[in-house]
Amino acid sequence: MKIQKLLLILIAIATFTITSCNSSSNKGMITHTVFFKLKHPKGSEAEKLFIEKAVALKSISTVKNMTSVKEIGKKNDYEWGLTMQFKNQEDYDTYSNHPDHVAFVENVWKKEVIDFMEIDYVDN
């Protein structure tokens, strides 16, 4: 499982670098990623509603380049991912402490996610 997680990390970093971090204007930005498995059946209305609620967090003003991704491989147990960027640590902290994010974590995330891996990194 450790090799699967390492592979997932490398794929996430490579994919995000190719799609949105290749601009020098993004240098030093914090990239926040979380990969997760939901308790809901795949394709269910509950799964769809969870993703909609998660993606709605992009309305927080400090969130940049938010995207949701769906796992298509069989190399790990995660089914979904969220990736977003922040200009700096202050913007990331603003997001983390924002009432919408806190409410989502307490009222949705903790009740519906059964496993996850969170990775935060900066382009060097």
Foldseek 3Di string as FASTA:
>chain_A
DVVLVVVVVVVVVVVCCVPPVVDPVQAFKKKKKKFFDWPDDPPDPLVVVLVVLVVVLCPLVQWAPWDKDADDDDSDDTGIMIMTIGSHPVSVVCSCPPPSNVCCCVPPVVVITDDMDMDMDGDD
